[in-house]
C-alpha cells in the first residue's frame, strides 16, 4: 500500500494531522491508458480503459493538479514501485521499445496517421 500520510510541506510543527477518509461507496476505476497534457500552471491526466477490439476508449476520469503536486506524485509513485519490486520482484516492461510508452501514455493518433 502507501506510506502513512505525511503533513503537507509548510505545515507548522505540532499541527494536527489531516484525517483522510475513504467513503464506503467510493467508486473504483480501472485504467490502462493515460493522456497527459499540461499548461503553464497545471498538469492534466486523463484516464481511459482500452479493451481489445474496441474502436474507441472514452476518457472516464480526469485529474488536474499543479506541477508541484504532479512532481510529488511522481516521487511517491517511484518510491512505491521500488517497494513493490523489493517485495514482489522486478516489473518487466514488455518488448516494444520507446514507442510503447508513447502508445499508451502519449498523444492520440488521428485516423489519418
C-alpha atoms as a PDB file:
ATOM      1  CA  UNK A   1       0.000   0.000   0.000  1.00  0.00           C
ATOM      2  CA  UNK A   2       1.183   3.536   0.614  1.00  0.00           C
ATOM      3  CA  UNK A   3       3.088   5.260   3.354  1.00  0.00           C
ATOM      4  CA  UNK A   4       1.318   6.779   6.359  1.00  0.00           C
ATOM      5  CA  UNK A   5       0.119  10.278   5.493  1.00  0.00           C
ATOM      6  CA  UNK A   6       2.706  12.991   5.997  1.00  0.00           C
ATOM      7  CA  UNK A   7       1.736  16.580   6.758  1.00  0.00           C
ATOM      8  CA  UNK A   8       1.858  18.819   3.677  1.00  0.00           C
ATOM      9  CA  UNK A   9       5.048  20.820   3.166  1.00  0.00           C
ATOM     10  CA  UNK A  10       4.956  24.042   5.125  1.00  0.00           C
ATOM     11  CA  UNK A  11       2.712  22.607   7.839  1.00  0.00           C
ATOM     12  CA  UNK A  12       3.631  24.188  11.159  1.00  0.00           C
ATOM     13  CA  UNK A  13       5.207  21.766  13.676  1.00  0.00           C
ATOM     14  CA  UNK A  14       2.615  20.366  16.053  1.00  0.00           C
ATOM     15  CA  UNK A  15      -0.276  20.975  13.670  1.00  0.00           C
ATOM     16  CA  UNK A  16      -2.870  18.205  13.846  1.00  0.00           C
ATOM     17  CA  UNK A  17      -2.618  15.631  11.022  1.00  0.00           C
ATOM     18  CA  UNK A  18      -5.171  15.657   8.223  1.00  0.00           C
ATOM     19  CA  UNK A  19      -7.649  12.801   8.578  1.00  0.00           C
ATOM     20  CA  UNK A  20      -8.047  11.199   5.121  1.00  0.00           C
ATOM     21  CA  UNK A  21     -11.404   9.455   4.769  1.00  0.00           C
ATOM     22  CA  UNK A  22     -12.373   6.730   2.289  1.00  0.00           C
ATOM     23  CA  UNK A  23     -16.139   6.787   1.701  1.00  0.00           C
ATOM     24  CA  UNK A  24     -17.750   3.335   1.696  1.00  0.00           C
ATOM     25  CA  UNK A  25     -19.251   3.959  -1.762  1.00  0.00           C
ATOM     26  CA  UNK A  26     -16.069   5.355  -3.362  1.00  0.00           C
ATOM     27  CA  UNK A  27     -16.094   4.151  -6.996  1.00  0.00           C
ATOM     28  CA  UNK A  28     -13.039   2.351  -8.360  1.00  0.00           C
ATOM     29  CA  UNK A  29     -11.939   2.919 -11.949  1.00  0.00           C
ATOM     30  CA  UNK A  30      -9.527   0.685 -13.884  1.00  0.00           C
ATOM     31  CA  UNK A  31      -7.294   2.485 -16.384  1.00  0.00           C
ATOM     32  CA  UNK A  32      -4.637   1.173 -18.737  1.00  0.00           C
ATOM     33  CA  UNK A  33      -4.272   4.367 -20.759  1.00  0.00           C
ATOM     34  CA  UNK A  34      -3.414   7.912 -19.704  1.00  0.00           C
ATOM     35  CA  UNK A  35      -3.337  11.001 -21.875  1.00  0.00           C
ATOM     36  CA  UNK A  36      -1.164  13.587 -20.122  1.00  0.00           C
ATOM     37  CA  UNK A  37      -1.256  17.279 -21.031  1.00  0.00           C
ATOM     38  CA  UNK A  38      -0.080  20.462 -19.370  1.00  0.00           C
ATOM     39  CA  UNK A  39      -0.479  24.204 -19.242  1.00  0.00           C
ATOM     40  CA  UNK A  40       1.973  26.557 -17.528  1.00  0.00           C
ATOM     41  CA  UNK A  41       0.085  26.114 -14.244  1.00  0.00           C
ATOM     42  CA  UNK A  42      -1.500  22.647 -14.428  1.00  0.00           C
ATOM     43  CA  UNK A  43      -0.797  19.022 -15.248  1.00  0.00           C
ATOM     44  CA  UNK A  44      -3.872  17.237 -16.613  1.00  0.00           C
ATOM     45  CA  UNK A  45      -4.066  13.440 -16.624  1.00  0.00           C
ATOM     46  CA  UNK A  46      -6.985  11.853 -18.491  1.00  0.00           C
ATOM     47  CA  UNK A  47      -7.583   8.137 -17.865  1.00  0.00           C
ATOM     48  CA  UNK A  48      -9.311   5.556 -20.075  1.00  0.00           C
ATOM     49  CA  UNK A  49      -9.618   1.792 -20.346  1.00  0.00           C
ATOM     50  CA  UNK A  50      -8.672   0.313 -23.700  1.00  0.00           C
ATOM     51  CA  UNK A  51     -10.148  -3.130 -24.344  1.00  0.00           C
ATOM     52  CA  UNK A  52      -9.239  -5.492 -27.192  1.00  0.00           C
ATOM     53  CA  UNK A  53     -11.341  -4.987 -30.282  1.00  0.00           C
ATOM     54  CA  UNK A  54     -12.697  -1.604 -29.200  1.00  0.00           C
ATOM     55  CA  UNK A  55     -12.546   1.197 -31.749  1.00  0.00           C
ATOM     56  CA  UNK A  56     -12.687   3.943 -29.142  1.00  0.00           C
ATOM     57  CA  UNK A  57     -11.916   4.440 -25.478  1.00  0.00           C
ATOM     58  CA  UNK A  58     -13.748   7.273 -23.739  1.00  0.00           C
ATOM     59  CA  UNK A  59     -11.964   9.179 -21.000  1.00  0.00           C
ATOM     60  CA  UNK A  60     -13.607   8.231 -17.694  1.00  0.00           C
ATOM     61  CA  UNK A  61     -11.509  10.173 -15.174  1.00  0.00           C
ATOM     62  CA  UNK A  62      -9.630  13.475 -15.328  1.00  0.00           C
ATOM     63  CA  UNK A  63      -7.186  14.591 -12.637  1.00  0.00           C
ATOM     64  CA  UNK A  64      -5.887  18.162 -12.648  1.00  0.00           C
ATOM     65  CA  UNK A  65      -3.037  19.180 -10.336  1.00  0.00           C
ATOM     66  CA  UNK A  66      -0.307  21.753 -10.001  1.00  0.00           C
ATOM     67  CA  UNK A  67       3.137  20.922 -11.432  1.00  0.00           C
ATOM     68  CA  UNK A  68       4.468  20.756  -7.850  1.00  0.00           C
ATOM     69  CA  UNK A  69       1.847  18.197  -6.824  1.00  0.00           C
ATOM     70  CA  UNK A  70       2.476  16.222 -10.041  1.00  0.00           C
ATOM     71  CA  UNK A  71       6.183  16.034  -9.204  1.00  0.00           C
ATOM     72  CA  UNK A  72       5.371  14.991  -5.630  1.00  0.00           C
ATOM     73  CA  UNK A  73       3.081  12.267  -7.022  1.00  0.00           C
ATOM     74  CA  UNK A  74       5.838  11.143  -9.421  1.00  0.00           C
ATOM     75  CA  UNK A  75       8.220  10.788  -6.476  1.00  0.00           C
ATOM     76  CA  UNK A  76       5.593   8.923  -4.421  1.00  0.00           C
ATOM     77  CA  UNK A  77       4.892   6.538  -7.323  1.00  0.00           C
ATOM     78  CA  UNK A  78       8.627   5.894  -7.828  1.00  0.00           C
ATOM     79  CA  UNK A  79       9.072   5.181  -4.108  1.00  0.00           C
ATOM     80  CA  UNK A  80       6.094   2.827  -4.025  1.00  0.00           C
ATOM     81  CA  UNK A  81       7.231   0.998  -7.181  1.00  0.00           C
ATOM     82  CA  UNK A  82      10.642   0.451  -5.584  1.00  0.00           C
ATOM     83  CA  UNK A  83       8.935  -1.017  -2.511  1.00  0.00           C
ATOM     84  CA  UNK A  84       6.676  -3.158  -4.701  1.00  0.00           C
ATOM     85  CA  UNK A  85       9.652  -4.548  -6.648  1.00  0.00           C
ATOM     86  CA  UNK A  86      11.563  -5.202  -3.428  1.00  0.00           C
ATOM     87  CA  UNK A  87       8.639  -7.313  -2.216  1.00  0.00           C
ATOM     88  CA  UNK A  88       7.430  -8.953  -5.445  1.00  0.00           C
ATOM     89  CA  UNK A  89      10.343  -8.724  -7.885  1.00  0.00           C
ATOM     90  CA  UNK A  90      11.206  -6.534 -10.841  1.00  0.00           C
ATOM     91  CA  UNK A  91       8.387  -5.368 -13.081  1.00  0.00           C
ATOM     92  CA  UNK A  92       9.379  -6.412 -16.598  1.00  0.00           C
ATOM     93  CA  UNK A  93       8.480  -3.965 -19.343  1.00  0.00           C
ATOM     94  CA  UNK A  94       7.062  -5.660 -22.448  1.00  0.00           C
ATOM     95  CA  UNK A  95       9.046  -5.563 -25.654  1.00  0.00           C
ATOM     96  CA  UNK A  96       8.107  -2.691 -27.857  1.00  0.00           C
ATOM     97  CA  UNK A  97      10.805  -0.116 -27.296  1.00  0.00           C
ATOM     98  CA  UNK A  98      10.235   3.535 -26.511  1.00  0.00           C
ATOM     99  CA  UNK A  99       7.148   3.624 -28.722  1.00  0.00           C
ATOM    100  CA  UNK A 100       5.213   1.511 -26.228  1.00  0.00           C
ATOM    101  CA  UNK A 101       5.065   4.290 -23.628  1.00  0.00           C
ATOM    102  CA  UNK A 102       4.107   6.779 -26.334  1.00  0.00           C
ATOM    103  CA  UNK A 103       1.369   4.411 -27.494  1.00  0.00           C
ATOM    104  CA  UNK A 104      -0.224   4.135 -24.045  1.00  0.00           C
ATOM    105  CA  UNK A 105       0.693   7.460 -22.456  1.00  0.00           C
ATOM    106  CA  UNK A 106       1.280   9.820 -25.379  1.00  0.00           C
ATOM    107  CA  UNK A 107      -0.813  11.916 -27.695  1.00  0.00           C
ATOM    108  CA  UNK A 108      -3.697  10.258 -29.515  1.00  0.00           C
ATOM    109  CA  UNK A 109      -3.170   9.467 -33.175  1.00  0.00           C
ATOM    110  CA  UNK A 110      -5.537  10.935 -35.719  1.00  0.00           C
ATOM    111  CA  UNK A 111      -7.381   8.483 -38.014  1.00  0.00           C
ATOM    112  CA  UNK A 112      -5.123   9.576 -40.908  1.00  0.00           C
ATOM    113  CA  UNK A 113      -1.857   8.665 -39.070  1.00  0.00           C
END
